[in-house]
Amino acid sequence: MSGPFVDEDTAALLTEMAQAFAGAPADPTVEERRAGLAYVADLYGPVTSSEALSAMTVEDIMIAGPGGRLPLRLYYPPRTAQGRSQVRPAVVVHIHGGGWVLGDPDSYGKVCAAYCAAGGFILIDVNYRRAPEHVFPAAIDDCVAALDWAAKNARRLGGDPSRLIVTGDSAGGNLAAAACLKTKARLALQVLVYPVISARASADYKSRGALGDGRYFLREFDIKRAETEYLPDPSYGEEMMASPIVAPVERLRRVPPALIITASLDPLRDEAIAYAARLEAAGVNVRHEEAQGTIHGFVLFAGWIAAGRKAIDTIARAVAEAVPVRQSGWFGG
């Protein structure tokens, strides 16, 4: 019996990865796993032209965060540095993936540059506190602080405060979805890319069992290990800040429109689809797009997988088409 469809790019990448990591430790340390993600993100990440890279401005800043100084990396498209653009671009807060443990602005630099180049928006990459050094809810608190800061400072950065958007992939998608449930900022759009939507110990989505055996990059073992490292007590997985899928409908009604991107070979596929259905039932405008024949992380691997580059372009268009909203109260504009 044949297995599910795997596209040509993805099949080649899976073979390449299997060979590249054949001698990797069976039980790597956190630092080894962080280095491994940085390695594959650099090797297989999206390629942005040298002309586009030289035209954008990248700036590292610190803001006041709930745990002390919170690092942000800002990407400005051409002509928006110091607010020189005649048309104010959208402001996108980006929350990186990596199971709440791996990933940082350096390992996601290629993805962030590709987003900025494709969409022409200001991008704010959040260097949130990671587990296991900082467990739940440190990461979500940092991401909400970054969103609230972006809402207050969008105009000063040269951006359009009525087009404030949040995006995240994998665990970053989890944090983005949770931040939408908590932030005081009014968001025009949330973009969730193959997100973790349930960190509940009892999560038993069919795709986790069918696709999480290691054939398609992400394993169920990896998911459970990350949840254990992030959540100091499994009962925290029952909270909506850890598992947005359990949020009450009255909270879901208040979140922004959503673009949810999944991969057909991702163990996390079904929970993202279930969340899209819950949002839609709550009256939220939802668009769901599934990339066929590819794996979790395909946007991070967009230098190798064509579907990843297509998703970056889809996200850029969605940001451009997002309906502006007015910030209220102390966020001003």
Protein backbone atom coordinates (compact mmCIF):
# COMPACT_ATOMS: atom_id res chain seq x y z
CA MET A 1 0.00 0.00 0.00
CA SER A 2 1.46 3.34 -1.04
CA GLY A 3 1.83 6.20 1.43
CA PRO A 4 0.63 9.79 1.11
CA PHE A 5 1.75 12.03 -1.74
CA VAL A 6 5.16 13.64 -1.23
CA ASP A 7 6.16 16.37 -3.68
CA GLU A 8 9.50 16.17 -5.46
CA ASP A 9 11.20 19.00 -3.55
CA THR A 10 10.13 17.59 -0.20
CA ALA A 11 11.21 14.05 -1.04
CA ALA A 12 14.64 15.32 -2.08
CA LEU A 13 14.99 17.38 1.11
CA LEU A 14 14.01 14.46 3.33
CA THR A 15 16.67 12.33 1.65
CA GLU A 16 19.24 15.11 1.98
CA MET A 17 18.44 15.61 5.67
CA ALA A 18 18.62 11.89 6.41
CA GLN A 19 22.12 11.78 4.95
CA ALA A 20 23.26 15.03 6.57
CA PHE A 21 22.17 13.95 10.05
CA ALA A 22 23.02 10.25 9.82
CA GLY A 23 25.71 10.64 12.49
CA ALA A 24 23.81 13.01 14.76
CA PRO A 25 23.54 12.17 18.49
CA ALA A 26 20.56 9.97 19.35
CA ASP A 27 19.73 12.14 22.37
CA PRO A 28 21.07 15.63 21.60
CA THR A 29 21.32 18.33 24.23
CA VAL A 30 19.27 21.51 24.02
CA GLU A 31 22.30 23.39 22.69
CA GLU A 32 22.93 20.72 20.05
CA ARG A 33 19.30 20.92 18.96
CA ARG A 34 19.51 24.71 18.77
CA ALA A 35 22.63 24.46 16.65
CA GLY A 36 20.94 21.87 14.44
CA LEU A 37 17.98 24.13 13.72
CA ALA A 38 20.28 27.06 12.97
CA TYR A 39 22.24 24.84 10.58
CA VAL A 40 19.25 23.63 8.55
CA ALA A 41 17.63 27.08 8.54
CA ASP A 42 20.77 28.54 7.01
CA LEU A 43 21.35 25.65 4.62
CA TYR A 44 17.80 25.28 3.33
CA GLY A 45 16.28 28.70 4.08
CA PRO A 46 14.74 31.10 1.55
CA VAL A 47 17.15 33.03 -0.64
CA THR A 48 16.63 36.78 -0.99
CA SER A 49 18.49 38.66 -3.71
CA SER A 50 21.52 40.70 -2.74
CA GLU A 51 19.80 43.77 -4.21
CA ALA A 52 16.77 43.31 -1.95
CA LEU A 53 18.94 42.64 1.08
CA SER A 54 21.03 45.75 0.50
CA ALA A 55 17.87 47.86 0.10
CA MET A 56 16.38 46.90 3.47
CA THR A 57 17.55 48.13 6.87
CA VAL A 58 17.95 45.79 9.85
CA GLU A 59 18.14 47.15 13.39
CA ASP A 60 18.44 45.46 16.79
CA ILE A 61 16.76 47.24 19.69
CA MET A 62 15.75 46.55 23.28
CA ILE A 63 12.39 47.35 24.85
CA ALA A 64 11.08 46.96 28.38
CA GLY A 65 9.66 43.47 28.76
CA PRO A 66 7.98 41.56 31.58
CA GLY A 67 11.23 39.73 32.37
CA GLY A 68 13.61 42.63 31.80
CA ARG A 69 15.00 43.96 28.53
CA LEU A 70 13.34 42.28 25.54
CA PRO A 71 15.37 42.14 22.29
CA LEU A 72 13.64 42.88 18.99
CA ARG A 73 15.07 42.80 15.48
CA LEU A 74 13.48 45.28 13.07
CA TYR A 75 13.45 44.89 9.29
CA TYR A 76 12.59 47.97 7.26
CA PRO A 77 11.81 47.74 3.54
CA PRO A 78 13.30 50.38 1.21
CA ARG A 79 12.47 54.01 2.01
CA THR A 80 10.81 53.32 5.39
CA ALA A 81 13.85 53.73 7.63
CA GLN A 82 13.36 56.79 9.83
CA GLY A 83 9.82 57.15 8.48
CA ARG A 84 10.77 58.44 5.01
CA SER A 85 8.13 56.45 3.09
CA GLN A 86 5.23 58.39 1.53
CA VAL A 87 2.93 55.38 2.02
CA ARG A 88 3.12 53.82 5.44
CA PRO A 89 3.60 50.05 5.24
CA ALA A 90 1.99 47.44 7.46
CA VAL A 91 3.79 46.42 10.65
CA VAL A 92 4.16 42.67 11.11
CA VAL A 93 5.24 41.18 14.43
CA HIS A 94 6.97 37.87 13.71
CA ILE A 95 7.23 35.11 16.33
CA HIS A 96 9.69 32.38 15.43
CA GLY A 97 9.14 28.66 15.85
CA GLY A 98 11.32 25.98 17.38
CA GLY A 99 9.17 24.24 19.96
CA TRP A 100 9.45 27.16 22.44
CA VAL A 101 13.07 25.95 22.91
CA LEU A 102 14.94 26.41 19.62
CA GLY A 103 15.18 29.27 17.14
CA ASP A 104 16.16 32.92 17.46
CA PRO A 105 16.46 36.01 15.24
CA ASP A 106 19.69 34.72 13.71
CA SER A 107 18.32 31.31 12.69
CA TYR A 108 15.16 32.97 11.33
CA GLY A 109 17.02 35.78 9.59
CA LYS A 110 16.53 34.34 6.11
CA VAL A 111 12.79 33.89 6.66
CA CYS A 112 12.33 37.40 8.05
CA ALA A 113 14.30 38.96 5.20
CA ALA A 114 12.23 37.01 2.67
CA TYR A 115 8.99 38.21 4.26
CA CYS A 116 10.17 41.83 4.30
CA ALA A 117 11.34 41.68 0.68
CA ALA A 118 8.18 39.97 -0.58
CA GLY A 119 5.70 42.08 1.36
CA GLY A 120 7.36 45.47 1.66
CA PHE A 121 6.27 45.74 5.29
CA ILE A 122 8.10 46.55 8.51
CA LEU A 123 8.83 43.32 10.36
CA ILE A 124 9.52 43.05 14.08
CA ASP A 125 11.10 39.74 15.08
CA VAL A 126 10.64 38.92 18.77
CA ASN A 127 13.56 37.33 20.63
CA TYR A 128 11.32 35.94 23.36
CA ARG A 129 12.55 33.99 26.37
CA ARG A 130 12.84 30.29 25.57
CA ALA A 131 12.35 27.10 27.52
CA PRO A 132 13.74 25.24 29.34
CA GLU A 133 15.55 28.24 30.88
CA HIS A 134 12.27 30.19 30.93
CA VAL A 135 9.10 28.12 31.04
CA PHE A 136 5.44 28.98 30.40
CA PRO A 137 4.19 31.70 30.42
CA ALA A 138 7.42 33.67 29.86
CA ALA A 139 7.35 33.39 26.06
CA ILE A 140 3.72 34.43 25.68
CA ASP A 141 4.21 37.34 28.07
CA ASP A 142 7.13 38.57 25.95
CA CYS A 143 5.17 38.24 22.72
CA VAL A 144 2.21 40.18 24.09
CA ALA A 145 4.59 42.88 25.32
CA ALA A 146 6.12 43.10 21.84
CA LEU A 147 2.69 43.38 20.21
CA ASP A 148 1.59 46.09 22.61
CA TRP A 149 4.85 47.97 22.03
CA ALA A 150 4.39 47.68 18.25
CA ALA A 151 0.88 49.10 18.51
CA LYS A 152 2.13 52.13 20.43
CA ASN A 153 5.17 52.70 18.22
CA ALA A 154 4.02 51.72 14.73
CA ARG A 155 3.72 55.31 13.51
CA ARG A 156 7.07 56.32 14.97
CA LEU A 157 8.67 53.41 13.11
CA GLY A 158 7.21 54.71 9.85
CA GLY A 159 4.44 52.10 9.71
CA ASP A 160 0.66 52.14 9.53
CA PRO A 161 -0.79 51.54 13.02
CA SER A 162 -4.10 50.48 11.47
CA ARG A 163 -2.37 47.54 9.78
CA LEU A 164 -0.71 45.76 12.68
CA ILE A 165 -0.38 42.02 12.05
CA VAL A 166 1.07 39.07 13.93
CA THR A 167 2.52 35.93 12.40
CA GLY A 168 4.27 32.87 13.74
CA ASP A 169 5.21 29.38 12.64
CA SER A 170 5.01 26.13 14.64
CA ALA A 171 5.42 27.04 18.33
CA GLY A 172 5.57 30.65 17.14
CA GLY A 173 2.12 30.09 15.66
CA ASN A 174 0.98 28.88 19.06
CA LEU A 175 2.35 32.05 20.65
CA ALA A 176 0.81 34.24 17.94
CA ALA A 177 -2.62 32.64 18.40
CA ALA A 178 -2.38 32.97 22.19
CA ALA A 179 -1.21 36.57 21.92
CA CYS A 180 -4.31 37.40 19.89
CA LEU A 181 -6.40 36.15 22.81
CA LYS A 182 -4.55 38.37 25.30
CA THR A 183 -3.17 41.52 23.68
CA LYS A 184 -4.79 44.93 24.09
CA ALA A 185 -3.72 45.89 20.59
CA ARG A 186 -6.20 45.77 17.72
CA LEU A 187 -4.82 43.57 14.98
CA ALA A 188 -5.75 43.55 11.32
CA LEU A 189 -4.73 39.92 10.76
CA GLN A 190 -3.15 36.86 12.36
CA VAL A 191 -1.12 34.50 10.18
CA LEU A 192 -0.59 31.08 11.73
CA VAL A 193 1.85 28.87 9.85
CA TYR A 194 1.60 25.16 10.73
CA PRO A 195 0.92 26.14 14.36
CA VAL A 196 0.88 24.09 17.55
CA ILE A 197 -2.68 24.68 18.67
CA SER A 198 -3.01 22.14 21.46
CA ALA A 199 -0.36 21.53 24.12
CA ARG A 200 -2.79 19.37 26.08
CA ALA A 201 -1.38 16.06 27.31
CA SER A 202 -4.54 14.39 25.99
CA ALA A 203 -4.23 15.75 22.45
CA ASP A 204 -4.90 12.85 20.08
CA TYR A 205 -5.38 14.37 16.64
CA LYS A 206 -5.29 11.76 13.91
CA SER A 207 -2.48 13.47 11.98
CA ARG A 208 -0.15 13.23 14.98
CA GLY A 209 -0.40 9.46 14.98
CA ALA A 210 -0.47 8.99 11.21
CA LEU A 211 2.39 11.37 10.33
CA GLY A 212 4.47 11.66 13.50
CA ASP A 213 6.60 8.53 13.21
CA GLY A 214 9.65 10.30 11.77
CA ARG A 215 9.09 9.75 8.05
CA TYR A 216 8.06 13.38 7.52
CA PHE A 217 10.60 15.39 9.55
CA LEU A 218 8.60 16.30 12.67
CA ARG A 219 7.94 13.48 15.11
CA GLU A 220 5.27 13.10 17.78
CA PHE A 221 8.22 12.55 20.13
CA ASP A 222 9.57 16.01 19.25
CA ILE A 223 6.20 17.61 19.95
CA LYS A 224 5.81 15.95 23.34
CA ARG A 225 9.39 16.72 24.35
CA ALA A 226 8.92 20.40 23.51
CA GLU A 227 5.68 20.54 25.49
CA THR A 228 7.40 18.94 28.48
CA GLU A 229 10.24 21.48 28.31
CA TYR A 230 7.85 24.43 27.93
CA LEU A 231 5.18 23.49 30.47
CA PRO A 232 6.47 22.97 34.03
CA ASP A 233 3.19 21.23 34.87
CA PRO A 234 1.15 19.26 32.29
CA SER A 235 -2.02 20.86 33.66
CA TYR A 236 -0.90 24.17 32.11
CA GLY A 237 -1.66 22.59 28.75
CA GLU A 238 -5.35 22.94 29.61
CA GLU A 239 -5.04 26.74 29.66
CA MET A 240 -5.90 28.72 26.54
CA MET A 241 -2.58 30.56 26.63
CA ALA A 242 -0.89 27.20 26.04
CA SER A 243 -3.67 25.61 23.97
CA PRO A 244 -5.68 28.24 22.05
CA ILE A 245 -8.04 25.49 20.86
CA VAL A 246 -9.66 25.47 24.34
CA ALA A 247 -10.40 29.22 24.39
CA PRO A 248 -14.08 30.00 25.08
CA VAL A 249 -16.09 31.22 22.14
CA GLU A 250 -16.53 34.69 23.65
CA ARG A 251 -12.73 35.14 23.54
CA LEU A 252 -12.43 33.72 20.04
CA ARG A 253 -15.00 36.23 18.77
CA ARG A 254 -12.59 39.06 19.64
CA VAL A 255 -9.56 37.83 17.70
CA PRO A 256 -8.60 39.23 14.28
CA PRO A 257 -9.21 37.57 10.92
CA ALA A 258 -6.91 34.63 10.33
CA LEU A 259 -4.85 33.09 7.57
CA ILE A 260 -3.92 29.56 8.63
CA ILE A 261 -1.38 27.64 6.56
CA THR A 262 -0.91 23.90 6.99
CA ALA A 263 1.10 21.13 5.34
CA SER A 264 -0.52 17.86 4.34
CA LEU A 265 2.34 15.79 5.85
CA ASP A 266 2.55 17.69 9.14
CA PRO A 267 1.59 15.90 12.38
CA LEU A 268 0.19 19.27 13.56
CA ARG A 269 -2.12 19.57 10.54
CA ASP A 270 -5.39 18.45 12.11
CA GLU A 271 -5.28 20.68 15.18
CA ALA A 272 -4.69 23.74 12.98
CA ILE A 273 -7.67 22.73 10.83
CA ALA A 274 -9.75 22.24 13.98
CA TYR A 275 -8.78 25.72 15.18
CA ALA A 276 -9.76 27.23 11.85
CA ALA A 277 -13.16 25.59 12.25
CA ARG A 278 -13.54 26.91 15.82
CA LEU A 279 -12.65 30.43 14.72
CA GLU A 280 -15.06 30.27 11.81
CA ALA A 281 -17.84 29.00 14.08
CA ALA A 282 -17.16 31.98 16.36
CA GLY A 283 -17.70 34.36 13.45
CA VAL A 284 -14.05 35.09 12.65
CA ASN A 285 -13.11 35.51 9.00
CA VAL A 286 -10.76 32.58 8.31
CA ARG A 287 -8.82 31.55 5.25
CA HIS A 288 -7.15 28.15 5.35
CA GLU A 289 -4.54 27.08 2.82
CA GLU A 290 -2.88 23.66 2.80
CA ALA A 291 0.33 22.90 0.94
CA GLN A 292 0.03 19.42 -0.51
CA GLY A 293 2.83 16.88 -0.33
CA THR A 294 5.08 18.79 2.02
CA ILE A 295 6.19 18.84 5.64
CA HIS A 296 6.22 20.86 8.82
CA GLY A 297 8.79 23.64 8.44
CA PHE A 298 8.43 24.03 4.69
CA VAL A 299 8.52 27.84 4.90
CA LEU A 300 11.75 27.66 6.91
CA PHE A 301 13.08 25.43 4.10
CA ALA A 302 11.83 27.66 1.27
CA GLY A 303 15.26 27.71 -0.35
CA TRP A 304 14.70 24.06 -1.21
CA ILE A 305 10.90 23.60 -1.22
CA ALA A 306 9.00 25.67 -3.78
CA ALA A 307 5.82 25.48 -1.70
CA GLY A 308 7.64 27.47 0.97
CA ARG A 309 8.36 30.35 -1.38
CA LYS A 310 4.74 30.23 -2.56
CA ALA A 311 3.57 30.47 1.05
CA ILE A 312 5.80 33.51 1.65
CA ASP A 313 4.18 35.20 -1.36
CA THR A 314 0.71 34.20 -0.11
CA ILE A 315 1.44 35.76 3.27
CA ALA A 316 2.77 38.93 1.61
CA ARG A 317 -0.47 39.27 -0.38
CA ALA A 318 -2.60 38.62 2.69
CA VAL A 319 -0.79 41.38 4.57
CA ALA A 320 -1.31 43.76 1.65
CA GLU A 321 -5.03 42.92 1.54
CA ALA A 322 -5.66 43.07 5.30
CA VAL A 323 -8.45 45.47 6.22
CA PRO A 324 -7.10 48.29 8.43
CA VAL A 325 -8.39 48.69 11.99
CA ARG A 326 -8.16 51.73 14.22
CA GLN A 327 -6.13 51.43 17.41
CA SER A 328 -8.05 52.62 20.44
CA GLY A 329 -7.34 53.98 23.92
CA TRP A 330 -3.76 54.56 24.94
CA PHE A 331 -2.40 52.92 21.81
CA GLY A 332 -3.39 56.00 19.82
CA GLY A 333 -1.98 56.07 16.36
